[in-house]
Protein backbone atom coordinates (compact mmCIF):
# COMPACT_ATOMS: atom_id res chain seq x y z
CA UNK A 1 0.00 0.00 0.00
CA UNK A 2 1.11 3.55 -0.67
CA UNK A 3 0.56 7.13 0.38
CA UNK A 4 -1.10 9.44 -2.12
CA UNK A 5 -1.40 13.14 -2.92
CA UNK A 6 -4.34 14.77 -4.64
CA UNK A 7 -3.12 17.75 -6.68
CA UNK A 8 -4.70 20.33 -8.95
CA UNK A 9 -2.78 21.77 -11.88
CA UNK A 10 -4.40 25.02 -13.01
CA UNK A 11 -3.46 26.51 -16.37
CA UNK A 12 -4.33 30.16 -16.85
CA UNK A 13 -3.77 32.26 -19.95
CA UNK A 14 -1.48 35.20 -19.39
CA UNK A 15 -2.70 38.76 -19.66
CA UNK A 16 -1.96 40.61 -22.87
CA UNK A 17 0.83 38.81 -24.71
CA UNK A 18 2.08 36.90 -21.66
CA UNK A 19 2.26 33.12 -22.09
CA UNK A 20 -0.04 30.81 -20.11
CA UNK A 21 1.23 29.74 -16.71
CA UNK A 22 0.58 26.76 -14.47
CA UNK A 23 -0.01 26.64 -10.77
CA UNK A 24 0.06 23.37 -8.85
CA UNK A 25 -1.90 23.11 -5.62
CA UNK A 26 -1.81 20.27 -3.10
CA UNK A 27 -5.47 19.64 -2.32
CA UNK A 28 -5.08 16.74 0.04
CA UNK A 29 -2.55 14.29 1.40
CA UNK A 30 -4.12 10.91 2.02
CA UNK A 31 -2.83 9.68 5.33
CA UNK A 32 -2.38 6.04 6.11
CA UNK A 33 -1.63 3.34 3.61
CA UNK A 34 -4.29 3.06 0.93
CA UNK A 35 -4.63 1.07 -2.23
CA UNK A 36 -4.84 2.98 -5.51
CA UNK A 37 -8.55 2.13 -5.72
CA UNK A 38 -9.19 3.63 -2.27
CA UNK A 39 -7.23 6.74 -3.21
CA UNK A 40 -9.22 7.10 -6.45
CA UNK A 41 -12.43 7.30 -4.39
CA UNK A 42 -10.96 10.23 -2.48
CA UNK A 43 -9.78 11.82 -5.73
CA UNK A 44 -13.35 11.76 -7.05
CA UNK A 45 -14.65 13.45 -3.87
CA UNK A 46 -12.05 16.22 -4.13
CA UNK A 47 -12.70 16.76 -7.84
CA UNK A 48 -16.44 17.22 -7.25
CA UNK A 49 -15.98 19.95 -4.66
CA UNK A 50 -12.85 21.80 -5.85
CA UNK A 51 -13.39 25.22 -7.40
CA UNK A 52 -10.21 26.76 -8.84
CA UNK A 53 -9.62 30.39 -7.91
CA UNK A 54 -8.82 31.20 -11.54
CA UNK A 55 -12.42 30.53 -12.61
CA UNK A 56 -13.74 33.64 -10.79
CA UNK A 57 -17.30 32.51 -10.09
CA UNK A 58 -17.95 30.79 -13.44
CA UNK A 59 -20.24 27.77 -13.62
CA UNK A 60 -18.15 24.63 -13.85
CA UNK A 61 -18.35 21.18 -15.34
CA UNK A 62 -16.23 18.28 -14.05
CA UNK A 63 -15.33 15.31 -16.22
CA UNK A 64 -13.17 12.24 -15.75
CA UNK A 65 -10.39 11.48 -18.22
CA UNK A 66 -9.35 8.00 -19.35
CA UNK A 67 -6.32 8.00 -17.04
CA UNK A 68 -8.51 8.54 -13.95
CA UNK A 69 -7.76 12.25 -13.58
CA UNK A 70 -10.47 14.89 -13.63
CA UNK A 71 -10.88 18.06 -15.68
CA UNK A 72 -12.60 21.13 -14.30
CA UNK A 73 -13.70 23.44 -17.12
CA UNK A 74 -16.00 26.44 -17.57
CA UNK A 75 -19.50 25.13 -18.27
CA UNK A 76 -20.11 27.57 -21.12
CA UNK A 77 -16.79 26.73 -22.79
CA UNK A 78 -15.58 30.28 -22.42
CA UNK A 79 -12.57 31.41 -20.49
CA UNK A 80 -8.85 30.98 -20.55
CA UNK A 81 -8.47 28.63 -17.59
CA UNK A 82 -8.52 24.88 -17.11
CA UNK A 83 -7.72 22.62 -14.20
CA UNK A 84 -6.62 18.99 -14.06
CA UNK A 85 -7.03 17.17 -10.73
CA UNK A 86 -4.95 14.06 -10.37
CA UNK A 87 -3.66 11.48 -7.98
CA UNK A 88 0.06 10.98 -7.53
CA UNK A 89 1.92 8.51 -5.38
CA UNK A 90 4.01 10.05 -2.63
CA UNK A 91 7.62 8.89 -2.83
CA UNK A 92 10.01 9.17 0.09
CA UNK A 93 13.72 9.61 -0.68
C-alpha atoms as a PDB file:
ATOM      1  CA  UNK A   1       0.000   0.000   0.000  1.00  0.00           C
ATOM      2  CA  UNK A   2       1.111   3.548  -0.671  1.00  0.00           C
ATOM      3  CA  UNK A   3       0.560   7.130   0.383  1.00  0.00           C
ATOM      4  CA  UNK A   4      -1.097   9.444  -2.119  1.00  0.00           C
ATOM      5  CA  UNK A   5      -1.396  13.144  -2.921  1.00  0.00           C
ATOM      6  CA  UNK A   6      -4.343  14.772  -4.643  1.00  0.00           C
ATOM      7  CA  UNK A   7      -3.122  17.750  -6.677  1.00  0.00           C
ATOM      8  CA  UNK A   8      -4.701  20.333  -8.950  1.00  0.00           C
ATOM      9  CA  UNK A   9      -2.780  21.772 -11.881  1.00  0.00           C
ATOM     10  CA  UNK A  10      -4.399  25.016 -13.012  1.00  0.00           C
ATOM     11  CA  UNK A  11      -3.457  26.510 -16.366  1.00  0.00           C
ATOM     12  CA  UNK A  12      -4.333  30.157 -16.848  1.00  0.00           C
ATOM     13  CA  UNK A  13      -3.774  32.262 -19.945  1.00  0.00           C
ATOM     14  CA  UNK A  14      -1.477  35.201 -19.388  1.00  0.00           C
ATOM     15  CA  UNK A  15      -2.701  38.759 -19.656  1.00  0.00           C
ATOM     16  CA  UNK A  16      -1.957  40.611 -22.871  1.00  0.00           C
ATOM     17  CA  UNK A  17       0.826  38.814 -24.705  1.00  0.00           C
ATOM     18  CA  UNK A  18       2.077  36.903 -21.656  1.00  0.00           C
ATOM     19  CA  UNK A  19       2.262  33.115 -22.090  1.00  0.00           C
ATOM     20  CA  UNK A  20      -0.044  30.807 -20.108  1.00  0.00           C
ATOM     21  CA  UNK A  21       1.227  29.740 -16.715  1.00  0.00           C
ATOM     22  CA  UNK A  22       0.578  26.760 -14.475  1.00  0.00           C
ATOM     23  CA  UNK A  23      -0.008  26.639 -10.770  1.00  0.00           C
ATOM     24  CA  UNK A  24       0.065  23.367  -8.852  1.00  0.00           C
ATOM     25  CA  UNK A  25      -1.903  23.114  -5.621  1.00  0.00           C
ATOM     26  CA  UNK A  26      -1.805  20.269  -3.095  1.00  0.00           C
ATOM     27  CA  UNK A  27      -5.469  19.636  -2.318  1.00  0.00           C
ATOM     28  CA  UNK A  28      -5.084  16.741   0.042  1.00  0.00           C
ATOM     29  CA  UNK A  29      -2.553  14.294   1.402  1.00  0.00           C
ATOM     30  CA  UNK A  30      -4.124  10.909   2.019  1.00  0.00           C
ATOM     31  CA  UNK A  31      -2.832   9.683   5.335  1.00  0.00           C
ATOM     32  CA  UNK A  32      -2.383   6.041   6.108  1.00  0.00           C
ATOM     33  CA  UNK A  33      -1.635   3.339   3.615  1.00  0.00           C
ATOM     34  CA  UNK A  34      -4.291   3.056   0.931  1.00  0.00           C
ATOM     35  CA  UNK A  35      -4.632   1.073  -2.232  1.00  0.00           C
ATOM     36  CA  UNK A  36      -4.843   2.985  -5.511  1.00  0.00           C
ATOM     37  CA  UNK A  37      -8.546   2.128  -5.724  1.00  0.00           C
ATOM     38  CA  UNK A  38      -9.190   3.627  -2.266  1.00  0.00           C
ATOM     39  CA  UNK A  39      -7.232   6.741  -3.211  1.00  0.00           C
ATOM     40  CA  UNK A  40      -9.219   7.101  -6.450  1.00  0.00           C
ATOM     41  CA  UNK A  41     -12.427   7.296  -4.394  1.00  0.00           C
ATOM     42  CA  UNK A  42     -10.958  10.231  -2.476  1.00  0.00           C
ATOM     43  CA  UNK A  43      -9.780  11.824  -5.729  1.00  0.00           C
ATOM     44  CA  UNK A  44     -13.354  11.763  -7.053  1.00  0.00           C
ATOM     45  CA  UNK A  45     -14.647  13.450  -3.871  1.00  0.00           C
ATOM     46  CA  UNK A  46     -12.049  16.223  -4.129  1.00  0.00           C
ATOM     47  CA  UNK A  47     -12.704  16.755  -7.840  1.00  0.00           C
ATOM     48  CA  UNK A  48     -16.436  17.215  -7.249  1.00  0.00           C
ATOM     49  CA  UNK A  49     -15.975  19.950  -4.660  1.00  0.00           C
ATOM     50  CA  UNK A  50     -12.852  21.802  -5.849  1.00  0.00           C
ATOM     51  CA  UNK A  51     -13.386  25.223  -7.399  1.00  0.00           C
ATOM     52  CA  UNK A  52     -10.206  26.760  -8.842  1.00  0.00           C
ATOM     53  CA  UNK A  53      -9.622  30.392  -7.913  1.00  0.00           C
ATOM     54  CA  UNK A  54      -8.817  31.196 -11.537  1.00  0.00           C
ATOM     55  CA  UNK A  55     -12.421  30.530 -12.609  1.00  0.00           C
ATOM     56  CA  UNK A  56     -13.735  33.637 -10.791  1.00  0.00           C
ATOM     57  CA  UNK A  57     -17.301  32.510 -10.095  1.00  0.00           C
ATOM     58  CA  UNK A  58     -17.954  30.787 -13.441  1.00  0.00           C
ATOM     59  CA  UNK A  59     -20.242  27.765 -13.623  1.00  0.00           C
ATOM     60  CA  UNK A  60     -18.146  24.635 -13.854  1.00  0.00           C
ATOM     61  CA  UNK A  61     -18.351  21.178 -15.335  1.00  0.00           C
ATOM     62  CA  UNK A  62     -16.230  18.277 -14.047  1.00  0.00           C
ATOM     63  CA  UNK A  63     -15.328  15.313 -16.225  1.00  0.00           C
ATOM     64  CA  UNK A  64     -13.169  12.244 -15.747  1.00  0.00           C
ATOM     65  CA  UNK A  65     -10.391  11.485 -18.220  1.00  0.00           C
ATOM     66  CA  UNK A  66      -9.352   8.000 -19.350  1.00  0.00           C
ATOM     67  CA  UNK A  67      -6.322   8.000 -17.038  1.00  0.00           C
ATOM     68  CA  UNK A  68      -8.511   8.544 -13.951  1.00  0.00           C
ATOM     69  CA  UNK A  69      -7.757  12.250 -13.582  1.00  0.00           C
ATOM     70  CA  UNK A  70     -10.470  14.895 -13.632  1.00  0.00           C
ATOM     71  CA  UNK A  71     -10.877  18.064 -15.680  1.00  0.00           C
ATOM     72  CA  UNK A  72     -12.600  21.134 -14.302  1.00  0.00           C
ATOM     73  CA  UNK A  73     -13.697  23.439 -17.121  1.00  0.00           C
ATOM     74  CA  UNK A  74     -15.999  26.442 -17.571  1.00  0.00           C
ATOM     75  CA  UNK A  75     -19.505  25.133 -18.273  1.00  0.00           C
ATOM     76  CA  UNK A  76     -20.113  27.575 -21.116  1.00  0.00           C
ATOM     77  CA  UNK A  77     -16.791  26.727 -22.787  1.00  0.00           C
ATOM     78  CA  UNK A  78     -15.582  30.284 -22.420  1.00  0.00           C
ATOM     79  CA  UNK A  79     -12.571  31.405 -20.485  1.00  0.00           C
ATOM     80  CA  UNK A  80      -8.845  30.978 -20.547  1.00  0.00           C
ATOM     81  CA  UNK A  81      -8.469  28.632 -17.592  1.00  0.00           C
ATOM     82  CA  UNK A  82      -8.522  24.877 -17.110  1.00  0.00           C
ATOM     83  CA  UNK A  83      -7.717  22.622 -14.204  1.00  0.00           C
ATOM     84  CA  UNK A  84      -6.620  18.993 -14.060  1.00  0.00           C
ATOM     85  CA  UNK A  85      -7.026  17.173 -10.728  1.00  0.00           C
ATOM     86  CA  UNK A  86      -4.947  14.065 -10.368  1.00  0.00           C
ATOM     87  CA  UNK A  87      -3.658  11.479  -7.976  1.00  0.00           C
ATOM     88  CA  UNK A  88       0.062  10.984  -7.531  1.00  0.00           C
ATOM     89  CA  UNK A  89       1.924   8.508  -5.384  1.00  0.00           C
ATOM     90  CA  UNK A  90       4.008  10.048  -2.626  1.00  0.00           C
ATOM     91  CA  UNK A  91       7.621   8.895  -2.832  1.00  0.00           C
ATOM     92  CA  UNK A  92      10.011   9.175   0.089  1.00  0.00           C
ATOM     93  CA  UNK A  93      13.723   9.608  -0.684  1.00  0.00           C
END
